[in-house]
Amino acid sequence: MIGAVGAIEYMFIKELDLNRHLIPGLLAAAVGYGVYSAILHGSFLGIYSFPDYASPRLVDLWWALLVGIIAGFVGIMFKLVFGIVQRVFAPLAKRPVSRAVIGGIVIGGIVIGLIGTFLPLTLYSGQNQLLQIIHNPATFGIGLLLIMVVLKALLTSTSLTTGFEGGPIFPLFFIGGCLGLAISKGLTFIPEGVGVTVGMAAVACAVFPLPLTVALLLGLMGGQTDLLPVIVIGAVTGFLISKAITPLLPKPHSEPTGNEEGKQHAPK
């Protein structure tokens, strides 16, 4: 169903016919998920186990707006970083092999050799790595969380620009989750569950303007219905910030594809 909703929202972006996307999107999502469930006997429900949020409060809706604004602008910063990295590698646009070799040297040497040694949680898609962070929040200080936000943005941009397989959705969730946890640590009156989920939703929607899809995805992947109102506020806030700021940004050579980093983790 989320796949079909994503198809509908994409239709409005591209001004395409509803049925041409809704029906194929619904059928493709149903068959794909059915095959996944039958073979692996798994479910996307509850992939993310967010920090406890047992007592929803009215004031948390305001905190969701605050976190959403901050995270939305961080999503815009990701787009700027992505555009800068694209321009750095633009001279190699017609030489994909050379571009991939240089990207491999950068990613393999710097990431695995240096960053991977000291901050291994910044590697890979970020799905399992974010779980380690939100399950052990006391282990990570504000400074370390913000460093991981910056590094993940740089690594993801470099990986995508140089032609490596994957996409930015789960890395964006990682960025938003780390940012939201850092905000909750700094502003202790904001519950960690609110900070993390709103950060994930707002950063993702600032890059990809699909607020309904992202809200449903995070709602199901978290399995906590009490968090749905703040997730929706975060998604809409990131979406509105993107709509207001993106037209003012320099046009990139190409947009992120949206294919999940590491296809084995991608919710099709």
C-alpha atoms as a PDB file:
ATOM      1  CA  MET A   1       0.000   0.000   0.000  1.00  0.00           C
ATOM      2  CA  ILE A   2       2.869   2.374   0.741  1.00  0.00           C
ATOM      3  CA  GLY A   3       4.252   1.621  -2.714  1.00  0.00           C
ATOM      4  CA  ALA A   4       0.939   2.657  -4.245  1.00  0.00           C
ATOM      5  CA  VAL A   5       0.807   5.839  -2.161  1.00  0.00           C
ATOM      6  CA  GLY A   6       4.337   6.669  -3.284  1.00  0.00           C
ATOM      7  CA  ALA A   7       3.207   6.226  -6.879  1.00  0.00           C
ATOM      8  CA  ILE A   8       0.347   8.671  -6.328  1.00  0.00           C
ATOM      9  CA  GLU A   9       2.582  11.300  -4.775  1.00  0.00           C
ATOM     10  CA  TYR A  10       5.133  10.869  -7.558  1.00  0.00           C
ATOM     11  CA  MET A  11       2.330  11.449 -10.031  1.00  0.00           C
ATOM     12  CA  PHE A  12       1.713  14.917  -8.599  1.00  0.00           C
ATOM     13  CA  ILE A  13       5.409  15.771  -8.820  1.00  0.00           C
ATOM     14  CA  LYS A  14       5.586  14.809 -12.505  1.00  0.00           C
ATOM     15  CA  GLU A  15       1.973  15.783 -13.327  1.00  0.00           C
ATOM     16  CA  LEU A  16       1.216  12.324 -14.675  1.00  0.00           C
ATOM     17  CA  ASP A  17      -2.025  10.367 -14.965  1.00  0.00           C
ATOM     18  CA  LEU A  18      -3.243   8.815 -11.692  1.00  0.00           C
ATOM     19  CA  ASN A  19      -4.241   5.348 -12.902  1.00  0.00           C
ATOM     20  CA  ARG A  20      -1.025   4.864 -14.870  1.00  0.00           C
ATOM     21  CA  HIS A  21       0.873   4.937 -11.568  1.00  0.00           C
ATOM     22  CA  LEU A  22      -1.619   3.863  -8.927  1.00  0.00           C
ATOM     23  CA  ILE A  23      -2.581   0.477 -10.397  1.00  0.00           C
ATOM     24  CA  PRO A  24       0.923  -0.658 -11.435  1.00  0.00           C
ATOM     25  CA  GLY A  25       2.327   0.677  -8.163  1.00  0.00           C
ATOM     26  CA  LEU A  26      -0.264  -1.183  -6.086  1.00  0.00           C
ATOM     27  CA  LEU A  27       0.179  -4.476  -7.976  1.00  0.00           C
ATOM     28  CA  ALA A  28       3.977  -4.263  -8.052  1.00  0.00           C
ATOM     29  CA  ALA A  29       4.141  -3.499  -4.336  1.00  0.00           C
ATOM     30  CA  ALA A  30       1.719  -6.336  -3.473  1.00  0.00           C
ATOM     31  CA  VAL A  31       3.549  -8.964  -5.555  1.00  0.00           C
ATOM     32  CA  GLY A  32       6.996  -7.789  -4.442  1.00  0.00           C
ATOM     33  CA  TYR A  33       6.115  -7.813  -0.758  1.00  0.00           C
ATOM     34  CA  GLY A  34       4.288 -11.118  -1.104  1.00  0.00           C
ATOM     35  CA  VAL A  35       7.372 -12.757  -2.616  1.00  0.00           C
ATOM     36  CA  TYR A  36       9.588 -11.208   0.059  1.00  0.00           C
ATOM     37  CA  SER A  37       7.363 -12.453   2.879  1.00  0.00           C
ATOM     38  CA  ALA A  38       6.959 -15.943   1.402  1.00  0.00           C
ATOM     39  CA  ILE A  39      10.684 -16.515   0.874  1.00  0.00           C
ATOM     40  CA  LEU A  40      12.200 -14.789   3.905  1.00  0.00           C
ATOM     41  CA  HIS A  41       9.238 -15.161   6.286  1.00  0.00           C
ATOM     42  CA  GLY A  42       9.860 -11.615   7.455  1.00  0.00           C
ATOM     43  CA  SER A  43       8.021  -8.333   7.721  1.00  0.00           C
ATOM     44  CA  PHE A  44       8.979  -4.670   7.519  1.00  0.00           C
ATOM     45  CA  LEU A  45       6.717  -4.021  10.493  1.00  0.00           C
ATOM     46  CA  GLY A  46       8.867  -2.967  13.423  1.00  0.00           C
ATOM     47  CA  ILE A  47      12.229  -2.916  11.583  1.00  0.00           C
ATOM     48  CA  TYR A  48      13.025   0.220  13.551  1.00  0.00           C
ATOM     49  CA  SER A  49      12.531  -0.014  17.292  1.00  0.00           C
ATOM     50  CA  PHE A  50      12.266   3.599  18.357  1.00  0.00           C
ATOM     51  CA  PRO A  51      12.883   4.884  21.880  1.00  0.00           C
ATOM     52  CA  ASP A  52       9.960   4.353  24.241  1.00  0.00           C
ATOM     53  CA  TYR A  53       7.134   6.835  23.906  1.00  0.00           C
ATOM     54  CA  ALA A  54       4.416   5.544  26.194  1.00  0.00           C
ATOM     55  CA  SER A  55       2.698   8.810  27.129  1.00  0.00           C
ATOM     56  CA  PRO A  56       1.776  11.081  24.189  1.00  0.00           C
ATOM     57  CA  ARG A  57       1.460  14.728  25.182  1.00  0.00           C
ATOM     58  CA  LEU A  58      -0.087  17.680  23.372  1.00  0.00           C
ATOM     59  CA  VAL A  59       3.095  19.719  23.814  1.00  0.00           C
ATOM     60  CA  ASP A  60       5.023  17.097  21.822  1.00  0.00           C
ATOM     61  CA  LEU A  61       3.257  18.304  18.690  1.00  0.00           C
ATOM     62  CA  TRP A  62       5.010  21.652  19.159  1.00  0.00           C
ATOM     63  CA  TRP A  63       8.327  19.943  19.808  1.00  0.00           C
ATOM     64  CA  ALA A  64       7.786  17.954  16.628  1.00  0.00           C
ATOM     65  CA  LEU A  65       7.410  21.210  14.724  1.00  0.00           C
ATOM     66  CA  LEU A  66      10.638  22.557  16.237  1.00  0.00           C
ATOM     67  CA  VAL A  67      12.629  19.403  15.453  1.00  0.00           C
ATOM     68  CA  GLY A  68      11.061  19.271  11.993  1.00  0.00           C
ATOM     69  CA  ILE A  69      12.235  22.793  11.175  1.00  0.00           C
ATOM     70  CA  ILE A  70      15.800  22.063  12.274  1.00  0.00           C
ATOM     71  CA  ALA A  71      15.888  18.693  10.499  1.00  0.00           C
ATOM     72  CA  GLY A  72      14.307  20.157   7.366  1.00  0.00           C
ATOM     73  CA  PHE A  73      17.148  22.629   7.004  1.00  0.00           C
ATOM     74  CA  VAL A  74      19.664  19.834   7.589  1.00  0.00           C
ATOM     75  CA  GLY A  75      17.985  17.993   4.707  1.00  0.00           C
ATOM     76  CA  ILE A  76      18.518  21.088   2.570  1.00  0.00           C
ATOM     77  CA  MET A  77      22.177  21.067   3.629  1.00  0.00           C
ATOM     78  CA  PHE A  78      22.405  17.469   2.396  1.00  0.00           C
ATOM     79  CA  LYS A  79      21.157  18.620  -1.005  1.00  0.00           C
ATOM     80  CA  LEU A  80      23.809  21.344  -1.038  1.00  0.00           C
ATOM     81  CA  VAL A  81      26.546  18.855  -0.148  1.00  0.00           C
ATOM     82  CA  PHE A  82      25.280  16.491  -2.832  1.00  0.00           C
ATOM     83  CA  GLY A  83      25.390  19.299  -5.387  1.00  0.00           C
ATOM     84  CA  ILE A  84      28.930  20.299  -4.398  1.00  0.00           C
ATOM     85  CA  VAL A  85      30.191  16.716  -4.683  1.00  0.00           C
ATOM     86  CA  GLN A  86      28.496  16.434  -8.083  1.00  0.00           C
ATOM     87  CA  ARG A  87      30.358  19.498  -9.291  1.00  0.00           C
ATOM     88  CA  VAL A  88      33.655  18.114  -8.042  1.00  0.00           C
ATOM     89  CA  PHE A  89      33.175  14.969 -10.131  1.00  0.00           C
ATOM     90  CA  ALA A  90      31.439  16.714 -13.062  1.00  0.00           C
ATOM     91  CA  PRO A  91      34.612  16.696 -15.255  1.00  0.00           C
ATOM     92  CA  LEU A  92      34.479  12.871 -15.135  1.00  0.00           C
ATOM     93  CA  ALA A  93      30.808  12.636 -16.122  1.00  0.00           C
ATOM     94  CA  LYS A  94      31.716  11.075 -19.499  1.00  0.00           C
ATOM     95  CA  ARG A  95      34.371   8.824 -17.975  1.00  0.00           C
ATOM     96  CA  PRO A  96      32.387   6.580 -15.628  1.00  0.00           C
ATOM     97  CA  VAL A  97      35.184   4.037 -15.161  1.00  0.00           C
ATOM     98  CA  SER A  98      37.679   6.684 -14.064  1.00  0.00           C
ATOM     99  CA  ARG A  99      35.053   8.287 -11.860  1.00  0.00           C
ATOM    100  CA  ALA A 100      34.260   4.947 -10.206  1.00  0.00           C
ATOM    101  CA  VAL A 101      37.974   4.200  -9.665  1.00  0.00           C
ATOM    102  CA  ILE A 102      38.510   7.563  -7.988  1.00  0.00           C
ATOM    103  CA  GLY A 103      35.353   7.094  -5.957  1.00  0.00           C
ATOM    104  CA  GLY A 104      36.555   3.630  -4.938  1.00  0.00           C
ATOM    105  CA  ILE A 105      39.881   5.063  -3.815  1.00  0.00           C
ATOM    106  CA  VAL A 106      38.130   7.771  -1.830  1.00  0.00           C
ATOM    107  CA  ILE A 107      35.532   5.444  -0.314  1.00  0.00           C
ATOM    108  CA  GLY A 108      37.792   2.414   0.097  1.00  0.00           C
ATOM    109  CA  GLY A 109      40.850   4.269   1.350  1.00  0.00           C
ATOM    110  CA  ILE A 110      39.408   7.098   3.392  1.00  0.00           C
ATOM    111  CA  VAL A 111      36.151   5.523   4.537  1.00  0.00           C
ATOM    112  CA  ILE A 112      37.244   1.986   5.324  1.00  0.00           C
ATOM    113  CA  GLY A 113      40.803   2.909   6.268  1.00  0.00           C
ATOM    114  CA  LEU A 114      40.149   5.935   8.434  1.00  0.00           C
ATOM    115  CA  ILE A 115      36.518   6.764   9.092  1.00  0.00           C
ATOM    116  CA  GLY A 116      35.507   3.106   9.254  1.00  0.00           C
ATOM    117  CA  THR A 117      38.160   2.467  11.870  1.00  0.00           C
ATOM    118  CA  PHE A 118      37.041   5.201  14.236  1.00  0.00           C
ATOM    119  CA  LEU A 119      33.339   5.557  13.323  1.00  0.00           C
ATOM    120  CA  PRO A 120      32.212   2.243  11.808  1.00  0.00           C
ATOM    121  CA  LEU A 121      28.558   3.149  12.348  1.00  0.00           C
ATOM    122  CA  THR A 122      28.793   5.597   9.440  1.00  0.00           C
ATOM    123  CA  LEU A 123      29.326   2.714   6.990  1.00  0.00           C
ATOM    124  CA  TYR A 124      26.740   0.841   4.907  1.00  0.00           C
ATOM    125  CA  SER A 125      23.093   1.843   4.475  1.00  0.00           C
ATOM    126  CA  GLY A 126      22.666   3.015   8.062  1.00  0.00           C
ATOM    127  CA  GLN A 127      19.592   0.917   8.881  1.00  0.00           C
ATOM    128  CA  ASN A 128      21.184  -1.480  11.373  1.00  0.00           C
ATOM    129  CA  GLN A 129      23.710   1.128  12.472  1.00  0.00           C
ATOM    130  CA  LEU A 130      20.965   3.547  13.506  1.00  0.00           C
ATOM    131  CA  LEU A 131      19.358   0.807  15.584  1.00  0.00           C
ATOM    132  CA  GLN A 132      22.601   0.410  17.533  1.00  0.00           C
ATOM    133  CA  ILE A 133      22.605   4.128  18.225  1.00  0.00           C
ATOM    134  CA  ILE A 134      18.991   4.531  19.336  1.00  0.00           C
ATOM    135  CA  HIS A 135      19.181   1.383  21.478  1.00  0.00           C
ATOM    136  CA  ASN A 136      22.252   2.722  23.296  1.00  0.00           C
ATOM    137  CA  PRO A 137      21.654   6.502  23.387  1.00  0.00           C
ATOM    138  CA  ALA A 138      23.757   7.100  26.488  1.00  0.00           C
ATOM    139  CA  THR A 139      26.855   5.891  24.618  1.00  0.00           C
ATOM    140  CA  PHE A 140      26.752   8.759  22.120  1.00  0.00           C
ATOM    141  CA  GLY A 141      27.258  12.416  22.950  1.00  0.00           C
ATOM    142  CA  ILE A 142      25.853  15.363  21.019  1.00  0.00           C
ATOM    143  CA  GLY A 143      29.172  16.132  19.334  1.00  0.00           C
ATOM    144  CA  LEU A 144      29.687  12.573  18.130  1.00  0.00           C
ATOM    145  CA  LEU A 145      26.145  12.365  16.772  1.00  0.00           C
ATOM    146  CA  LEU A 146      26.577  15.596  14.801  1.00  0.00           C
ATOM    147  CA  ILE A 147      29.934  14.409  13.425  1.00  0.00           C
ATOM    148  CA  MET A 148      28.242  11.252  12.167  1.00  0.00           C
ATOM    149  CA  VAL A 149      25.534  13.389  10.526  1.00  0.00           C
ATOM    150  CA  VAL A 150      28.166  15.333   8.564  1.00  0.00           C
ATOM    151  CA  LEU A 151      30.226  12.270   7.636  1.00  0.00           C
ATOM    152  CA  LYS A 152      27.193  10.286   6.500  1.00  0.00           C
ATOM    153  CA  ALA A 153      26.148  13.151   4.218  1.00  0.00           C
ATOM    154  CA  LEU A 154      29.624  13.313   2.677  1.00  0.00           C
ATOM    155  CA  LEU A 155      29.991   9.557   2.258  1.00  0.00           C
ATOM    156  CA  THR A 156      26.526   9.082   0.776  1.00  0.00           C
ATOM    157  CA  SER A 157      27.005  11.955  -1.667  1.00  0.00           C
ATOM    158  CA  THR A 158      30.388  10.631  -2.780  1.00  0.00           C
ATOM    159  CA  SER A 159      29.107   7.077  -3.162  1.00  0.00           C
ATOM    160  CA  LEU A 160      26.090   8.068  -5.262  1.00  0.00           C
ATOM    161  CA  THR A 161      27.955  10.595  -7.387  1.00  0.00           C
ATOM    162  CA  THR A 162      30.729   8.175  -8.346  1.00  0.00           C
ATOM    163  CA  GLY A 163      28.286   5.532  -9.519  1.00  0.00           C
ATOM    164  CA  PHE A 164      28.163   3.017  -6.687  1.00  0.00           C
ATOM    165  CA  GLU A 165      25.035   0.938  -6.166  1.00  0.00           C
ATOM    166  CA  GLY A 166      22.404   2.138  -3.757  1.00  0.00           C
ATOM    167  CA  GLY A 167      20.426   5.220  -2.838  1.00  0.00           C
ATOM    168  CA  PRO A 168      19.934   7.802  -0.117  1.00  0.00           C
ATOM    169  CA  ILE A 169      16.732   6.800   1.712  1.00  0.00           C
ATOM    170  CA  PHE A 170      18.188   4.730   4.547  1.00  0.00           C
ATOM    171  CA  PRO A 171      21.242   7.026   4.828  1.00  0.00           C
ATOM    172  CA  LEU A 172      18.832   9.957   5.146  1.00  0.00           C
ATOM    173  CA  PHE A 173      16.983   8.111   7.908  1.00  0.00           C
ATOM    174  CA  PHE A 174      20.348   7.594   9.615  1.00  0.00           C
ATOM    175  CA  ILE A 175      21.180  11.302   9.319  1.00  0.00           C
ATOM    176  CA  GLY A 176      17.764  12.333  10.616  1.00  0.00           C
ATOM    177  CA  GLY A 177      17.814   9.828  13.461  1.00  0.00           C
ATOM    178  CA  CYS A 178      21.258  10.920  14.694  1.00  0.00           C
ATOM    179  CA  LEU A 179      20.258  14.564  14.395  1.00  0.00           C
ATOM    180  CA  GLY A 180      16.975  14.035  16.250  1.00  0.00           C
ATOM    181  CA  LEU A 181      18.723  12.174  19.059  1.00  0.00           C
ATOM    182  CA  ALA A 182      21.285  14.984  19.341  1.00  0.00           C
ATOM    183  CA  ILE A 183      18.462  17.543  19.572  1.00  0.00           C
ATOM    184  CA  SER A 184      16.745  15.493  22.297  1.00  0.00           C
ATOM    185  CA  LYS A 185      19.997  15.299  24.234  1.00  0.00           C
ATOM    186  CA  GLY A 186      20.467  19.054  23.975  1.00  0.00           C
ATOM    187  CA  LEU A 187      16.822  19.912  24.642  1.00  0.00           C
ATOM    188  CA  THR A 188      16.054  17.310  27.271  1.00  0.00           C
ATOM    189  CA  PHE A 189      12.352  18.202  27.449  1.00  0.00           C
ATOM    190  CA  ILE A 190      11.916  16.656  23.971  1.00  0.00           C
ATOM    191  CA  PRO A 191      11.407  12.863  24.245  1.00  0.00           C
ATOM    192  CA  GLU A 192      13.959  10.803  22.336  1.00  0.00           C
ATOM    193  CA  GLY A 193      11.174   9.005  20.461  1.00  0.00           C
ATOM    194  CA  VAL A 194       9.910  12.347  19.155  1.00  0.00           C
ATOM    195  CA  GLY A 195      13.359  13.656  18.285  1.00  0.00           C
ATOM    196  CA  VAL A 196      14.473  10.540  16.415  1.00  0.00           C
ATOM    197  CA  THR A 197      11.313   9.889  14.394  1.00  0.00           C
ATOM    198  CA  VAL A 198      10.654  13.526  13.518  1.00  0.00           C
ATOM    199  CA  GLY A 199      14.287  13.978  12.510  1.00  0.00           C
ATOM    200  CA  MET A 200      14.106  10.965  10.200  1.00  0.00           C
ATOM    201  CA  ALA A 201      10.849  12.106   8.589  1.00  0.00           C
ATOM    202  CA  ALA A 202      11.844  15.748   8.135  1.00  0.00           C
ATOM    203  CA  VAL A 203      15.298  15.101   6.664  1.00  0.00           C
ATOM    204  CA  ALA A 204      13.918  12.515   4.219  1.00  0.00           C
ATOM    205  CA  CYS A 205      11.053  14.775   3.082  1.00  0.00           C
ATOM    206  CA  ALA A 206      13.354  17.769   2.678  1.00  0.00           C
ATOM    207  CA  VAL A 207      15.239  15.747   0.053  1.00  0.00           C
ATOM    208  CA  PHE A 208      12.333  13.774  -1.431  1.00  0.00           C
ATOM    209  CA  PRO A 209       8.963  15.608  -1.225  1.00  0.00           C
ATOM    210  CA  LEU A 210       6.873  12.518  -0.444  1.00  0.00           C
ATOM    211  CA  PRO A 211       5.490  13.273   3.043  1.00  0.00           C
ATOM    212  CA  LEU A 212       2.612  10.773   3.058  1.00  0.00           C
ATOM    213  CA  THR A 213       4.828   7.942   1.821  1.00  0.00           C
ATOM    214  CA  VAL A 214       7.567   8.694   4.342  1.00  0.00           C
ATOM    215  CA  ALA A 215       5.091   9.043   7.220  1.00  0.00           C
ATOM    216  CA  LEU A 216       3.444   5.695   6.428  1.00  0.00           C
ATOM    217  CA  LEU A 217       6.815   4.028   5.938  1.00  0.00           C
ATOM    218  CA  LEU A 218       8.205   5.190   9.271  1.00  0.00           C
ATOM    219  CA  GLY A 219       4.907   4.486  11.023  1.00  0.00           C
ATOM    220  CA  LEU A 220       4.898   0.867   9.877  1.00  0.00           C
ATOM    221  CA  MET A 221       8.633   0.323  10.229  1.00  0.00           C
ATOM    222  CA  GLY A 222       8.500   1.625  13.786  1.00  0.00           C
ATOM    223  CA  GLY A 223       5.324  -0.177  14.760  1.00  0.00           C
ATOM    224  CA  GLN A 224       4.397   2.557  17.274  1.00  0.00           C
ATOM    225  CA  THR A 225       1.105   4.246  16.408  1.00  0.00           C
ATOM    226  CA  ASP A 226       1.513   6.777  19.224  1.00  0.00           C
ATOM    227  CA  LEU A 227       4.356   8.327  17.246  1.00  0.00           C
ATOM    228  CA  LEU A 228       2.363   8.758  14.015  1.00  0.00           C
ATOM    229  CA  PRO A 229       1.134  12.322  14.777  1.00  0.00           C
ATOM    230  CA  VAL A 230       4.649  13.660  15.390  1.00  0.00           C
ATOM    231  CA  ILE A 231       6.024  11.717  12.405  1.00  0.00           C
ATOM    232  CA  VAL A 232       3.415  13.342  10.166  1.00  0.00           C
ATOM    233  CA  ILE A 233       4.255  16.812  11.499  1.00  0.00           C
ATOM    234  CA  GLY A 234       7.946  16.165  10.845  1.00  0.00           C
ATOM    235  CA  ALA A 235       7.288  14.899   7.328  1.00  0.00           C
ATOM    236  CA  VAL A 236       5.061  17.847   6.418  1.00  0.00           C
ATOM    237  CA  THR A 237       7.496  20.360   7.918  1.00  0.00           C
ATOM    238  CA  GLY A 238      10.405  18.923   5.941  1.00  0.00           C
ATOM    239  CA  PHE A 239       8.237  18.930   2.816  1.00  0.00           C
ATOM    240  CA  LEU A 240       7.267  22.599   3.224  1.00  0.00           C
ATOM    241  CA  ILE A 241      10.855  23.673   3.892  1.00  0.00           C
ATOM    242  CA  SER A 242      11.940  21.806   0.774  1.00  0.00           C
ATOM    243  CA  LYS A 243       9.256  23.473  -1.344  1.00  0.00           C
ATOM    244  CA  ALA A 244      10.261  26.906  -0.048  1.00  0.00           C
ATOM    245  CA  ILE A 245      14.066  26.563  -0.226  1.00  0.00           C
ATOM    246  CA  THR A 246      14.830  24.107  -3.043  1.00  0.00           C
ATOM    247  CA  PRO A 247      13.904  26.522  -5.888  1.00  0.00           C
ATOM    248  CA  LEU A 248      16.585  28.881  -4.543  1.00  0.00           C
ATOM    249  CA  LEU A 249      19.347  26.241  -4.663  1.00  0.00           C
ATOM    250  CA  PRO A 250      21.725  25.732  -7.605  1.00  0.00           C
ATOM    251  CA  LYS A 251      20.398  23.091  -9.961  1.00  0.00           C
ATOM    252  CA  PRO A 252      22.249  19.764  -9.552  1.00  0.00           C
ATOM    253  CA  HIS A 253      23.349  17.719 -12.538  1.00  0.00           C
ATOM    254  CA  SER A 254      21.031  14.897 -11.413  1.00  0.00           C
ATOM    255  CA  GLU A 255      18.850  14.090  -8.452  1.00  0.00           C
ATOM    256  CA  PRO A 256      19.344  11.137  -6.081  1.00  0.00           C
ATOM    257  CA  THR A 257      17.550   8.102  -7.433  1.00  0.00           C
ATOM    258  CA  GLY A 258      15.749   7.017  -4.282  1.00  0.00           C
ATOM    259  CA  ASN A 259      16.813   3.370  -4.696  1.00  0.00           C
ATOM    260  CA  GLU A 260      17.768   2.113  -1.279  1.00  0.00           C
ATOM    261  CA  GLU A 261      21.405   1.704  -0.435  1.00  0.00           C
ATOM    262  CA  GLY A 262      21.897  -2.015  -0.371  1.00  0.00           C
ATOM    263  CA  LYS A 263      19.017  -3.462  -2.368  1.00  0.00           C
ATOM    264  CA  GLN A 264      18.538  -6.284   0.099  1.00  0.00           C
ATOM    265  CA  HIS A 265      17.167  -3.750   2.586  1.00  0.00           C
ATOM    266  CA  ALA A 266      14.962  -1.797   0.202  1.00  0.00           C
ATOM    267  CA  PRO A 267      11.187  -1.745   0.810  1.00  0.00           C
ATOM    268  CA  LYS A 268       9.904  -2.089  -2.746  1.00  0.00           C
END
